[in-house]
């Protein structure tokens, strides 16, 4: 019964349905773009570290024979152990080590040093690469906060999108307060009303969320290509390759659906808690608690200006919500872009300095 009612309402009220579709599409697009840009930036950072410093996770040096390398390879969790010819000499042998589970590097390297009979001071870690994988020294009191910063920005953008989509759902649901009051008076429970409204939200938002996610991926690809074109003249910079992981898509879809469901649940919960009499009378319509005459608006714009001022005062709560959501959205994207640009400049300055040194 509720399914038929929801489908009928969606077909008969295309304008309100379109507003919800657009809001869900924009939400998924922004979240997909944000997740895609962060993943590509993270992937580019790892590629840069590997190209400049090598693909190793732990390094051990000491006065031991080359046959010890096979002993290191037989150590549990060791993936590869390769002699570094550039750093080794007749007295010291330097071995670069990679692990199957690199998160155990800070536990396994001291054990390898102990097995080879060399002090722990002979052990070094590829901290720039490990920190890119969010692996930090357990004894480090100030670990990098890149992931925490990204999660903060993602939460900030999600909250702002929830506020934006919430307004679309609230407008659609408030237009049906009288109908649900009648349903409640004839026996519909608050849980059934919430289920009906969330069911409509799911039916309306599945396709826009999927389309928005794919469009966000396409925009991410376009942004990577644009960055390659704009940064083509930078000496020593390697070209960024577009990359995308299924886990990123899963995070995008999950975050988008959670955003939509929370946005729909807030007004649905408020609507389901209304008594049948309140819903039938529809006392929640926009109205001023106390009418005031604005002489300035009346003087400047006449009666129309005074009516517009009163309308804005009656809707000040929804306008405040829209202002807050836009502010949080711009703040989140500004923080992310500023962070990416600052890191890009940090990487570029050493490259430019190295390029200038031969001519000095």
Protein backbone atom coordinates (compact mmCIF):
# COMPACT_ATOMS: atom_id res chain seq x y z
CA UNK A 1 0.00 0.00 0.00
CA UNK A 2 2.74 2.44 1.02
CA UNK A 3 4.80 1.52 -2.04
CA UNK A 4 1.89 2.28 -4.38
CA UNK A 5 1.24 5.53 -2.53
CA UNK A 6 4.90 6.60 -2.83
CA UNK A 7 5.05 5.80 -6.55
CA UNK A 8 1.82 7.69 -7.14
CA UNK A 9 3.05 10.75 -5.26
CA UNK A 10 6.35 10.80 -7.17
CA UNK A 11 4.52 10.66 -10.52
CA UNK A 12 2.02 13.38 -9.61
CA UNK A 13 4.53 15.79 -8.01
CA UNK A 14 7.35 15.97 -10.51
CA UNK A 15 8.57 19.42 -9.43
CA UNK A 16 9.34 18.43 -5.83
CA UNK A 17 10.76 15.10 -7.01
CA UNK A 18 13.09 16.86 -9.46
CA UNK A 19 14.44 19.12 -6.68
CA UNK A 20 15.29 16.05 -4.61
CA UNK A 21 16.86 14.33 -7.64
CA UNK A 22 19.05 17.35 -8.36
CA UNK A 23 20.11 17.69 -4.72
CA UNK A 24 21.08 14.00 -4.53
CA UNK A 25 22.95 14.23 -7.84
CA UNK A 26 24.97 17.28 -6.73
CA UNK A 27 25.74 15.64 -3.39
CA UNK A 28 27.07 12.46 -5.00
CA UNK A 29 29.01 14.46 -7.58
CA UNK A 30 30.81 16.59 -4.97
CA UNK A 31 31.60 13.61 -2.75
CA UNK A 32 32.86 11.57 -5.72
CA UNK A 33 35.03 14.47 -6.90
CA UNK A 34 36.46 14.99 -3.42
CA UNK A 35 37.23 11.29 -2.90
CA UNK A 36 38.66 10.92 -6.42
CA UNK A 37 40.94 13.96 -6.10
CA UNK A 38 42.22 12.84 -2.71
CA UNK A 39 42.95 9.31 -3.97
CA UNK A 40 44.79 10.58 -7.05
CA UNK A 41 46.77 13.06 -4.98
CA UNK A 42 47.70 10.25 -2.56
CA UNK A 43 48.69 7.97 -5.46
CA UNK A 44 50.78 10.74 -7.06
CA UNK A 45 52.53 11.39 -3.74
CA UNK A 46 53.54 7.71 -3.49
CA UNK A 47 54.78 7.67 -7.11
CA UNK A 48 56.90 10.77 -6.47
CA UNK A 49 58.49 9.25 -3.37
CA UNK A 50 59.27 5.98 -5.16
CA UNK A 51 60.81 7.76 -8.17
CA UNK A 52 62.94 10.08 -6.05
CA UNK A 53 63.96 7.82 -3.14
CA UNK A 54 63.37 4.26 -4.29
CA UNK A 55 60.84 1.56 -3.53
CA UNK A 56 62.01 0.18 -0.20
CA UNK A 57 60.48 0.12 3.26
CA UNK A 58 63.33 -0.81 5.56
CA UNK A 59 67.09 -0.59 5.12
CA UNK A 60 69.83 -2.33 7.05
CA UNK A 61 73.57 -1.85 6.77
CA UNK A 62 76.50 -3.67 8.36
CA UNK A 63 79.70 -5.59 7.89
CA UNK A 64 78.17 -8.94 6.94
CA UNK A 65 78.56 -11.26 3.95
CA UNK A 66 76.29 -11.31 0.90
CA UNK A 67 74.99 -14.76 1.83
CA UNK A 68 73.16 -13.06 4.70
CA UNK A 69 70.77 -11.60 2.10
CA UNK A 70 69.18 -15.01 1.54
CA UNK A 71 68.80 -15.30 5.30
CA UNK A 72 66.94 -12.00 5.33
CA UNK A 73 64.68 -13.19 2.47
CA UNK A 74 63.76 -16.28 4.49
CA UNK A 75 62.63 -14.12 7.38
CA UNK A 76 58.86 -14.20 7.92
CA UNK A 77 56.97 -11.35 6.23
CA UNK A 78 59.95 -10.31 4.07
CA UNK A 79 58.94 -9.93 0.42
CA UNK A 80 62.25 -8.91 -1.17
CA UNK A 81 65.79 -8.15 0.04
CA UNK A 82 68.02 -6.44 -2.52
CA UNK A 83 71.58 -5.19 -2.14
CA UNK A 84 71.85 -1.44 -2.76
CA UNK A 85 74.91 -1.24 -5.00
CA UNK A 86 75.07 2.58 -4.87
CA UNK A 87 75.34 2.77 -1.08
CA UNK A 88 77.34 -0.42 -0.45
CA UNK A 89 81.15 -0.51 -0.39
CA UNK A 90 83.91 -2.98 0.44
CA UNK A 91 83.36 -2.69 4.18
CA UNK A 92 79.60 -2.09 4.50
CA UNK A 93 76.74 -3.91 2.82
CA UNK A 94 73.41 -2.05 2.49
CA UNK A 95 70.25 -4.10 1.92
CA UNK A 96 66.87 -2.64 0.93
CA UNK A 97 63.95 -4.67 2.28
CA UNK A 98 60.26 -4.80 1.32
CA UNK A 99 57.61 -6.58 3.38
CA UNK A 100 54.41 -8.42 2.52
CA UNK A 101 52.71 -6.60 5.38
CA UNK A 102 54.48 -3.27 5.58
CA UNK A 103 52.56 -2.31 8.72
CA UNK A 104 54.84 -4.67 10.64
CA UNK A 105 58.03 -2.98 9.45
CA UNK A 106 58.71 -1.23 12.77
CA UNK A 107 58.39 -4.55 14.61
CA UNK A 108 60.27 -6.79 12.14
CA UNK A 109 63.31 -4.64 11.33
CA UNK A 110 64.79 -4.75 14.87
CA UNK A 111 64.32 -8.55 14.86
CA UNK A 112 66.18 -8.82 11.55
CA UNK A 113 69.01 -6.68 12.91
CA UNK A 114 69.18 -8.89 15.99
CA UNK A 115 69.33 -12.02 13.83
CA UNK A 116 72.17 -10.58 11.76
CA UNK A 117 74.03 -9.44 14.85
CA UNK A 118 74.09 -5.73 13.99
CA UNK A 119 72.97 -2.87 16.27
CA UNK A 120 69.54 -1.26 15.82
CA UNK A 121 71.30 1.97 14.83
CA UNK A 122 72.13 0.23 11.53
CA UNK A 123 68.40 0.08 10.74
CA UNK A 124 66.65 2.89 8.86
CA UNK A 125 63.08 3.29 7.65
CA UNK A 126 61.63 4.83 4.52
CA UNK A 127 59.50 7.21 6.57
CA UNK A 128 58.27 9.35 3.68
CA UNK A 129 56.89 6.26 1.89
CA UNK A 130 55.55 4.61 5.03
CA UNK A 131 53.79 7.79 6.16
CA UNK A 132 52.12 7.95 2.74
CA UNK A 133 50.55 4.60 3.61
CA UNK A 134 49.61 6.04 7.03
CA UNK A 135 52.18 3.84 8.79
CA UNK A 136 53.96 5.75 11.54
CA UNK A 137 56.59 4.95 14.12
CA UNK A 138 54.79 3.84 17.31
CA UNK A 139 57.29 5.88 19.32
CA UNK A 140 56.63 9.05 17.30
CA UNK A 141 54.60 11.45 19.43
CA UNK A 142 53.71 13.68 16.45
CA UNK A 143 52.51 11.43 13.60
CA UNK A 144 51.31 12.98 10.30
CA UNK A 145 47.66 14.03 10.34
CA UNK A 146 46.91 13.76 6.62
CA UNK A 147 44.16 11.16 7.00
CA UNK A 148 42.65 13.00 9.96
CA UNK A 149 42.59 16.20 7.90
CA UNK A 150 40.92 14.46 4.97
CA UNK A 151 38.30 12.85 7.19
CA UNK A 152 37.59 16.26 8.75
CA UNK A 153 37.09 17.84 5.31
CA UNK A 154 34.90 14.91 4.17
CA UNK A 155 32.78 15.24 7.32
CA UNK A 156 32.50 19.01 6.82
CA UNK A 157 31.35 18.64 3.22
CA UNK A 158 28.94 15.83 4.15
CA UNK A 159 27.32 17.95 6.88
CA UNK A 160 26.91 20.86 4.47
CA UNK A 161 25.36 18.57 1.85
CA UNK A 162 23.04 17.09 4.47
CA UNK A 163 21.80 20.57 5.26
CA UNK A 164 21.25 21.35 1.57
CA UNK A 165 19.42 18.09 0.76
CA UNK A 166 17.49 18.31 4.03
CA UNK A 167 15.81 21.48 2.75
CA UNK A 168 14.70 19.73 -0.44
CA UNK A 169 13.21 16.81 1.50
CA UNK A 170 11.64 19.14 4.07
CA UNK A 171 9.83 21.16 1.37
CA UNK A 172 8.51 17.97 -0.26
CA UNK A 173 7.42 16.40 3.04
CA UNK A 174 5.89 19.53 4.56
CA UNK A 175 3.58 19.80 1.57
CA UNK A 176 2.00 16.50 2.68
CA UNK A 177 1.51 17.17 6.37
CA UNK A 178 -2.28 17.24 5.95
CA UNK A 179 -2.29 13.88 4.12
CA UNK A 180 -0.20 12.13 6.75
CA UNK A 181 -2.41 13.63 9.45
CA UNK A 182 -5.36 11.87 7.86
CA UNK A 183 -3.39 8.62 7.58
CA UNK A 184 -2.37 8.90 11.24
CA UNK A 185 -5.97 9.47 12.32
CA UNK A 186 -7.08 6.24 10.64
CA UNK A 187 -4.37 4.10 12.26
CA UNK A 188 -1.03 4.71 10.48
CA UNK A 189 1.85 4.49 12.99
CA UNK A 190 4.79 6.95 13.11
CA UNK A 191 7.09 4.11 12.07
CA UNK A 192 5.01 3.42 8.96
CA UNK A 193 5.07 7.11 8.01
CA UNK A 194 8.86 7.28 8.44
CA UNK A 195 9.30 4.09 6.42
CA UNK A 196 7.14 5.51 3.64
CA UNK A 197 9.14 8.75 3.46
CA UNK A 198 12.52 6.97 3.58
CA UNK A 199 11.27 4.56 0.91
CA UNK A 200 10.48 7.51 -1.35
CA UNK A 201 13.92 8.99 -0.67
CA UNK A 202 15.58 5.70 -1.63
CA UNK A 203 13.54 5.38 -4.86
CA UNK A 204 14.30 8.97 -5.85
CA UNK A 205 18.01 8.97 -5.04
CA UNK A 206 19.43 5.62 -6.20
CA UNK A 207 19.85 6.64 -9.85
CA UNK A 208 21.02 10.26 -9.20
CA UNK A 209 23.62 9.03 -6.70
CA UNK A 210 25.03 6.51 -9.19
CA UNK A 211 25.06 9.03 -12.06
CA UNK A 212 26.58 11.72 -9.84
CA UNK A 213 29.31 9.34 -8.73
CA UNK A 214 30.26 8.49 -12.33
CA UNK A 215 30.18 12.16 -13.35
CA UNK A 216 32.45 12.92 -10.37
CA UNK A 217 34.90 10.28 -11.62
CA UNK A 218 34.86 11.89 -15.06
CA UNK A 219 35.47 15.33 -13.55
CA UNK A 220 38.36 13.88 -11.53
CA UNK A 221 39.90 12.55 -14.74
CA UNK A 222 39.46 15.96 -16.37
CA UNK A 223 41.02 17.72 -13.36
CA UNK A 224 44.09 15.43 -13.48
CA UNK A 225 44.54 16.11 -17.19
CA UNK A 226 44.16 19.86 -16.62
CA UNK A 227 46.80 19.77 -13.89
CA UNK A 228 49.19 17.90 -16.22
CA UNK A 229 48.70 20.56 -18.91
CA UNK A 230 49.14 23.50 -16.51
CA UNK A 231 52.20 21.97 -14.79
CA UNK A 232 53.83 20.72 -17.99
CA UNK A 233 56.55 23.41 -17.84
CA UNK A 234 57.74 22.44 -14.34
CA UNK A 235 61.18 20.85 -14.64
CA UNK A 236 61.53 17.43 -13.05
CA UNK A 237 57.83 16.87 -12.41
CA UNK A 238 56.52 13.52 -13.59
CA UNK A 239 53.13 13.35 -15.26
CA UNK A 240 50.23 12.35 -13.04
CA UNK A 241 48.34 9.26 -14.19
CA UNK A 242 44.64 8.97 -13.43
CA UNK A 243 43.95 6.15 -10.97
CA UNK A 244 40.80 4.89 -9.33
CA UNK A 245 40.19 2.06 -6.89
CA UNK A 246 36.95 0.14 -6.29
CA UNK A 247 37.27 0.93 -2.59
CA UNK A 248 37.12 4.66 -3.39
CA UNK A 249 33.90 4.08 -5.33
CA UNK A 250 32.48 2.09 -2.42
CA UNK A 251 33.34 4.89 0.04
CA UNK A 252 31.75 7.45 -2.30
CA UNK A 253 28.53 5.47 -2.69
CA UNK A 254 28.31 4.70 1.03
CA UNK A 255 28.91 8.33 2.02
CA UNK A 256 26.40 9.58 -0.57
CA UNK A 257 23.65 7.21 0.56
CA UNK A 258 24.28 7.99 4.22
CA UNK A 259 24.10 11.70 3.41
CA UNK A 260 20.79 11.24 1.58
CA UNK A 261 19.28 8.97 4.24
CA UNK A 262 20.20 11.32 7.10
CA UNK A 263 18.83 14.26 5.09
CA UNK A 264 15.52 12.43 4.58
CA UNK A 265 15.33 10.98 8.08
CA UNK A 266 15.49 14.37 9.85
CA UNK A 267 12.27 15.85 8.38
CA UNK A 268 10.60 12.40 8.31
CA UNK A 269 11.19 12.00 12.05
CA UNK A 270 9.80 15.47 12.73
CA UNK A 271 6.74 14.79 10.57
CA UNK A 272 6.02 11.39 12.13
CA UNK A 273 6.07 12.86 15.64
CA UNK A 274 3.23 15.30 14.91
CA UNK A 275 -0.16 14.43 16.40
CA UNK A 276 -3.01 13.76 13.97
CA UNK A 277 -4.75 17.00 14.99
CA UNK A 278 -1.59 19.09 14.45
CA UNK A 279 -1.01 17.47 11.06
CA UNK A 280 -4.61 17.94 9.88
CA UNK A 281 -4.67 21.58 11.01
CA UNK A 282 -1.13 22.00 9.54
CA UNK A 283 -0.06 24.47 12.22
CA UNK A 284 3.57 24.19 11.19
CA UNK A 285 3.23 26.51 8.21
CA UNK A 286 5.54 29.50 7.99
CA UNK A 287 4.22 32.39 10.01
CA UNK A 288 5.54 35.29 12.03
CA UNK A 289 5.29 35.08 15.80
CA UNK A 290 4.96 38.83 16.00
CA UNK A 291 4.39 41.08 13.04
CA UNK A 292 6.54 44.17 12.86
CA UNK A 293 6.27 47.09 10.53
CA UNK A 294 9.53 47.86 8.79
CA UNK A 295 9.37 51.56 8.02
CA UNK A 296 12.64 51.52 6.10
CA UNK A 297 11.49 48.78 3.68
CA UNK A 298 8.08 50.40 3.37
CA UNK A 299 9.71 53.74 2.60
CA UNK A 300 12.14 52.32 0.04
CA UNK A 301 10.01 49.66 -1.67
CA UNK A 302 6.47 50.26 -0.49
CA UNK A 303 4.07 47.56 0.63
CA UNK A 304 5.82 44.92 -1.51
CA UNK A 305 9.10 45.52 0.30
CA UNK A 306 7.45 45.19 3.69
CA UNK A 307 5.78 41.93 2.65
CA UNK A 308 9.11 40.59 1.36
CA UNK A 309 10.79 41.51 4.64
CA UNK A 310 8.12 39.69 6.63
CA UNK A 311 8.46 36.64 4.38
CA UNK A 312 12.21 36.55 4.96
CA UNK A 313 11.69 36.81 8.71
CA UNK A 314 9.19 33.94 8.61
CA UNK A 315 11.71 31.78 6.74
CA UNK A 316 14.78 32.87 8.67
CA UNK A 317 15.38 29.35 10.03
CA UNK A 318 15.53 27.73 6.58
CA UNK A 319 17.58 30.64 5.23
CA UNK A 320 19.98 30.27 8.14
CA UNK A 321 20.33 26.57 7.33
CA UNK A 322 21.03 27.30 3.65
CA UNK A 323 23.61 29.95 4.56
CA UNK A 324 25.36 27.58 6.97
CA UNK A 325 25.41 24.73 4.45
CA UNK A 326 26.90 26.91 1.71
CA UNK A 327 29.48 28.31 4.13
CA UNK A 328 30.55 24.81 5.21
CA UNK A 329 30.71 23.65 1.57
CA UNK A 330 32.95 26.52 0.49
CA UNK A 331 35.07 26.14 3.62
CA UNK A 332 35.60 22.43 3.03
CA UNK A 333 36.60 22.77 -0.63
CA UNK A 334 38.77 25.83 0.12
CA UNK A 335 40.62 23.89 2.82
CA UNK A 336 41.15 20.91 0.51
CA UNK A 337 42.35 23.02 -2.42
CA UNK A 338 44.66 25.12 -0.23
CA UNK A 339 46.12 21.95 1.27
CA UNK A 340 46.72 20.37 -2.13
CA UNK A 341 48.28 23.55 -3.53
CA UNK A 342 50.57 23.97 -0.52
CA UNK A 343 51.81 20.38 -0.81
CA UNK A 344 52.31 20.79 -4.55
CA UNK A 345 54.41 23.90 -3.95
CA UNK A 346 56.46 22.09 -1.30
CA UNK A 347 57.24 19.35 -3.83
CA UNK A 348 58.01 21.82 -6.64
CA UNK A 349 60.46 24.09 -4.78
CA UNK A 350 63.18 21.42 -4.29
CA UNK A 351 62.86 20.39 -7.95
CA UNK A 352 63.29 23.97 -9.15
CA UNK A 353 66.24 24.54 -6.81
CA UNK A 354 67.92 21.37 -8.11
CA UNK A 355 67.37 22.55 -11.68
CA UNK A 356 68.99 25.93 -10.97
CA UNK A 357 72.09 24.59 -9.21
CA UNK A 358 74.11 23.66 -12.32
CA UNK A 359 73.89 27.21 -13.63
CA UNK A 360 74.88 28.88 -10.37
